[in-house]
Every structure is written in C-alpha cells, then in structure tokens.
C-alpha cells in the first residue's frame, strides 16, 4: 500500500463530496454524512 506516513499530507477520501460554501454555518458536513451512509451499507451487506 505504500508509505502510510500522512504527516504534512491530508487523507484522501474514498468518496469526494463538494460541501457548499456555508456548510460550517449550517452545521452540515456532507463528506461525513456520505461516509456514514457508506458504512451503514457495508453493515447491511454483512448482516445478510
């Protein structure tokens, strides 16, 4: 998988989501929401 040292380099998300300019003011994080949705899908698959 290569060098996992992330110092000075941001994590790259598996799913890219564009937050609106006022996302912080609204208290919304669409990237986090998408990540949670994908994790719930994975859990549902394993439960079947």
PDB file of N, CA and C in Angstrom:
ATOM      1  N   UNK A   1       0.819  -1.186   0.000  1.00  0.00           N
ATOM      2  CA  UNK A   1       0.000   0.000   0.000  1.00  0.00           C
ATOM      3  C   UNK A   1       0.863   1.250   0.000  1.00  0.00           C
ATOM      4  N   UNK A   2       2.116   1.108   0.133  1.00  0.00           N
ATOM      5  CA  UNK A   2       2.995   2.264   0.071  1.00  0.00           C
ATOM      6  C   UNK A   2       3.242   2.884   1.427  1.00  0.00           C
ATOM      7  N   UNK A   3       3.771   4.074   1.389  1.00  0.00           N
ATOM      8  CA  UNK A   3       4.107   4.797   2.604  1.00  0.00           C
ATOM      9  C   UNK A   3       2.838   5.340   3.251  1.00  0.00           C
ATOM     10  N   UNK A   4       2.566   4.951   4.497  1.00  0.00           N
ATOM     11  CA  UNK A   4       1.359   5.388   5.184  1.00  0.00           C
ATOM     12  C   UNK A   4       1.594   6.605   6.064  1.00  0.00           C
ATOM     13  N   UNK A   5       2.771   7.201   6.000  1.00  0.00           N
ATOM     14  CA  UNK A   5       3.052   8.390   6.788  1.00  0.00           C
ATOM     15  C   UNK A   5       2.277   9.554   6.185  1.00  0.00           C
ATOM     16  N   UNK A   6       1.292  10.047   6.955  1.00  0.00           N
ATOM     17  CA  UNK A   6       0.435  11.104   6.437  1.00  0.00           C
ATOM     18  C   UNK A   6       0.815  12.477   6.983  1.00  0.00           C
ATOM     19  N   UNK A   7       1.939  12.572   7.665  1.00  0.00           N
ATOM     20  CA  UNK A   7       2.352  13.858   8.212  1.00  0.00           C
ATOM     21  C   UNK A   7       2.569  14.853   7.077  1.00  0.00           C
ATOM     22  N   UNK A   8       1.884  15.970   7.151  1.00  0.00           N
ATOM     23  CA  UNK A   8       2.017  17.002   6.125  1.00  0.00           C
ATOM     24  C   UNK A   8       1.178  16.744   4.882  1.00  0.00           C
ATOM     25  N   UNK A   9       0.479  15.600   4.844  1.00  0.00           N
ATOM     26  CA  UNK A   9      -0.357  15.258   3.697  1.00  0.00           C
ATOM     27  C   UNK A   9      -1.746  14.893   4.196  1.00  0.00           C
ATOM     28  N   UNK A  10      -2.791  15.485   3.637  1.00  0.00           N
ATOM     29  CA  UNK A  10      -4.146  15.173   4.099  1.00  0.00           C
ATOM     30  C   UNK A  10      -4.596  13.796   3.625  1.00  0.00           C
ATOM     31  N   UNK A  11      -5.560  13.244   4.336  1.00  0.00           N
ATOM     32  CA  UNK A  11      -6.168  11.987   3.909  1.00  0.00           C
ATOM     33  C   UNK A  11      -7.015  12.257   2.669  1.00  0.00           C
ATOM     34  N   UNK A  12      -7.043  11.323   1.761  1.00  0.00           N
ATOM     35  CA  UNK A  12      -7.853  11.453   0.552  1.00  0.00           C
ATOM     36  C   UNK A  12      -9.089  10.571   0.740  1.00  0.00           C
ATOM     37  N   UNK A  13     -10.279  11.160   0.748  1.00  0.00           N
ATOM     38  CA  UNK A  13     -11.490  10.371   0.975  1.00  0.00           C
ATOM     39  C   UNK A  13     -11.790   9.441  -0.192  1.00  0.00           C
ATOM     40  N   UNK A  14     -12.478   8.331   0.105  1.00  0.00           N
ATOM     41  CA  UNK A  14     -12.879   7.393  -0.942  1.00  0.00           C
ATOM     42  C   UNK A  14     -13.981   7.975  -1.819  1.00  0.00           C
ATOM     43  N   UNK A  15     -14.819   8.828  -1.233  1.00  0.00           N
ATOM     44  CA  UNK A  15     -15.916   9.455  -1.946  1.00  0.00           C
ATOM     45  C   UNK A  15     -15.749  10.966  -1.823  1.00  0.00           C
ATOM     46  N   UNK A  16     -15.634  11.631  -2.948  1.00  0.00           N
ATOM     47  CA  UNK A  16     -15.454  13.081  -2.954  1.00  0.00           C
ATOM     48  C   UNK A  16     -16.832  13.748  -2.946  1.00  0.00           C
ATOM     49  N   UNK A  17     -17.058  14.625  -1.984  1.00  0.00           N
ATOM     50  CA  UNK A  17     -18.318  15.348  -1.861  1.00  0.00           C
ATOM     51  C   UNK A  17     -17.983  16.833  -1.782  1.00  0.00           C
ATOM     52  N   UNK A  18     -18.675  17.623  -2.561  1.00  0.00           N
ATOM     53  CA  UNK A  18     -18.460  19.076  -2.544  1.00  0.00           C
ATOM     54  C   UNK A  18     -19.422  19.725  -1.558  1.00  0.00           C
ATOM     55  N   UNK A  19     -18.884  20.221  -0.449  1.00  0.00           N
ATOM     56  CA  UNK A  19     -19.699  20.943   0.519  1.00  0.00           C
ATOM     57  C   UNK A  19     -19.976  22.343  -0.010  1.00  0.00           C
ATOM     58  N   UNK A  20     -21.156  22.863   0.308  1.00  0.00           N
ATOM     59  CA  UNK A  20     -21.496  24.223  -0.088  1.00  0.00           C
ATOM     60  C   UNK A  20     -20.644  25.212   0.708  1.00  0.00           C
ATOM     61  N   UNK A  21     -20.502  26.439   0.233  1.00  0.00           N
ATOM     62  CA  UNK A  21     -19.658  27.412   0.928  1.00  0.00           C
ATOM     63  C   UNK A  21     -20.084  27.697   2.371  1.00  0.00           C
ATOM     64  N   UNK A  22     -21.362  27.534   2.665  1.00  0.00           N
ATOM     65  CA  UNK A  22     -21.829  27.835   4.020  1.00  0.00           C
ATOM     66  C   UNK A  22     -22.051  26.579   4.868  1.00  0.00           C
ATOM     67  N   UNK A  23     -21.378  25.497   4.539  1.00  0.00           N
ATOM     68  CA  UNK A  23     -21.617  24.238   5.244  1.00  0.00           C
ATOM     69  C   UNK A  23     -21.287  24.313   6.726  1.00  0.00           C
ATOM     70  N   UNK A  24     -20.251  25.038   7.096  1.00  0.00           N
ATOM     71  CA  UNK A  24     -19.917  25.165   8.519  1.00  0.00           C
ATOM     72  C   UNK A  24     -20.985  25.947   9.272  1.00  0.00           C
ATOM     73  N   UNK A  25     -21.481  27.027   8.662  1.00  0.00           N
ATOM     74  CA  UNK A  25     -22.513  27.847   9.309  1.00  0.00           C
ATOM     75  C   UNK A  25     -23.792  27.049   9.519  1.00  0.00           C
ATOM     76  N   UNK A  26     -24.092  26.148   8.584  1.00  0.00           N
ATOM     77  CA  UNK A  26     -25.291  25.319   8.693  1.00  0.00           C
ATOM     78  C   UNK A  26     -25.080  24.121   9.628  1.00  0.00           C
ATOM     79  N   UNK A  27     -23.823  23.835   9.947  1.00  0.00           N
ATOM     80  CA  UNK A  27     -23.538  22.679  10.785  1.00  0.00           C
ATOM     81  C   UNK A  27     -23.663  21.363  10.030  1.00  0.00           C
ATOM     82  N   UNK A  28     -23.504  21.414   8.717  1.00  0.00           N
ATOM     83  CA  UNK A  28     -23.612  20.225   7.878  1.00  0.00           C
ATOM     84  C   UNK A  28     -22.239  19.826   7.350  1.00  0.00           C
ATOM     85  N   UNK A  29     -21.985  18.546   7.367  1.00  0.00           N
ATOM     86  CA  UNK A  29     -20.757  18.028   6.765  1.00  0.00           C
ATOM     87  C   UNK A  29     -21.168  16.888   5.847  1.00  0.00           C
ATOM     88  N   UNK A  30     -21.341  17.210   4.571  1.00  0.00           N
ATOM     89  CA  UNK A  30     -21.816  16.209   3.617  1.00  0.00           C
ATOM     90  C   UNK A  30     -20.802  15.084   3.409  1.00  0.00           C
ATOM     91  N   UNK A  31     -19.519  15.386   3.608  1.00  0.00           N
ATOM     92  CA  UNK A  31     -18.498  14.342   3.485  1.00  0.00           C
ATOM     93  C   UNK A  31     -18.682  13.302   4.591  1.00  0.00           C
ATOM     94  N   UNK A  32     -18.909  13.765   5.810  1.00  0.00           N
ATOM     95  CA  UNK A  32     -19.147  12.868   6.939  1.00  0.00           C
ATOM     96  C   UNK A  32     -20.451  12.095   6.752  1.00  0.00           C
ATOM     97  N   UNK A  33     -21.474  12.777   6.266  1.00  0.00           N
ATOM     98  CA  UNK A  33     -22.761  12.124   6.020  1.00  0.00           C
ATOM     99  C   UNK A  33     -22.612  10.999   4.998  1.00  0.00           C
ATOM    100  N   UNK A  34     -21.891  11.263   3.918  1.00  0.00           N
ATOM    101  CA  UNK A  34     -21.671  10.248   2.881  1.00  0.00           C
ATOM    102  C   UNK A  34     -20.887   9.062   3.447  1.00  0.00           C
ATOM    103  N   UNK A  35     -19.889   9.348   4.251  1.00  0.00           N
ATOM    104  CA  UNK A  35     -19.095   8.273   4.851  1.00  0.00           C
ATOM    105  C   UNK A  35     -19.973   7.389   5.735  1.00  0.00           C
ATOM    106  N   UNK A  36     -20.839   8.005   6.523  1.00  0.00           N
ATOM    107  CA  UNK A  36     -21.746   7.240   7.391  1.00  0.00           C
ATOM    108  C   UNK A  36     -22.712   6.398   6.568  1.00  0.00           C
ATOM    109  N   UNK A  37     -23.241   6.961   5.490  1.00  0.00           N
ATOM    110  CA  UNK A  37     -24.149   6.213   4.617  1.00  0.00           C
ATOM    111  C   UNK A  37     -23.453   4.986   4.033  1.00  0.00           C
ATOM    112  N   UNK A  38     -22.223   5.157   3.592  1.00  0.00           N
ATOM    113  CA  UNK A  38     -21.483   4.037   3.004  1.00  0.00           C
ATOM    114  C   UNK A  38     -21.165   2.968   4.055  1.00  0.00           C
ATOM    115  N   UNK A  39     -20.830   3.383   5.264  1.00  0.00           N
ATOM    116  CA  UNK A  39     -20.572   2.416   6.334  1.00  0.00           C
ATOM    117  C   UNK A  39     -21.833   1.638   6.688  1.00  0.00           C
ATOM    118  N   UNK A  40     -22.977   2.309   6.727  1.00  0.00           N
ATOM    119  CA  UNK A  40     -24.235   1.622   7.008  1.00  0.00           C
ATOM    120  C   UNK A  40     -24.565   0.615   5.910  1.00  0.00           C
ATOM    121  N   UNK A  41     -24.260   0.936   4.659  1.00  0.00           N
ATOM    122  CA  UNK A  41     -24.461  -0.015   3.564  1.00  0.00           C
ATOM    123  C   UNK A  41     -23.599  -1.256   3.759  1.00  0.00           C
ATOM    124  N   UNK A  42     -22.349  -1.053   4.180  1.00  0.00           N
ATOM    125  CA  UNK A  42     -21.445  -2.175   4.416  1.00  0.00           C
ATOM    126  C   UNK A  42     -21.960  -3.056   5.547  1.00  0.00           C
ATOM    127  N   UNK A  43     -22.478  -2.444   6.598  1.00  0.00           N
ATOM    128  CA  UNK A  43     -23.024  -3.212   7.722  1.00  0.00           C
ATOM    129  C   UNK A  43     -24.227  -4.023   7.276  1.00  0.00           C
ATOM    130  N   UNK A  44     -25.107  -3.417   6.487  1.00  0.00           N
ATOM    131  CA  UNK A  44     -26.294  -4.126   5.985  1.00  0.00           C
ATOM    132  C   UNK A  44     -25.896  -5.318   5.140  1.00  0.00           C
ATOM    133  N   UNK A  45     -24.862  -5.182   4.308  1.00  0.00           N
ATOM    134  CA  UNK A  45     -24.394  -6.285   3.464  1.00  0.00           C
ATOM    135  C   UNK A  45     -23.900  -7.435   4.323  1.00  0.00           C
ATOM    136  N   UNK A  46     -23.187  -7.137   5.394  1.00  0.00           N
ATOM    137  CA  UNK A  46     -22.629  -8.189   6.254  1.00  0.00           C
ATOM    138  C   UNK A  46     -23.700  -8.876   7.079  1.00  0.00           C
ATOM    139  N   UNK A  47     -24.813  -8.187   7.362  1.00  0.00           N
ATOM    140  CA  UNK A  47     -25.883  -8.777   8.155  1.00  0.00           C
ATOM    141  C   UNK A  47     -26.714  -9.760   7.352  1.00  0.00           C
ATOM    142  N   UNK A  48     -26.621  -9.710   6.035  1.00  0.00           N
ATOM    143  CA  UNK A  48     -27.439 -10.602   5.186  1.00  0.00           C
ATOM    144  C   UNK A  48     -26.808 -11.944   5.013  1.00  0.00           C
TER     145      UNK A  48
END
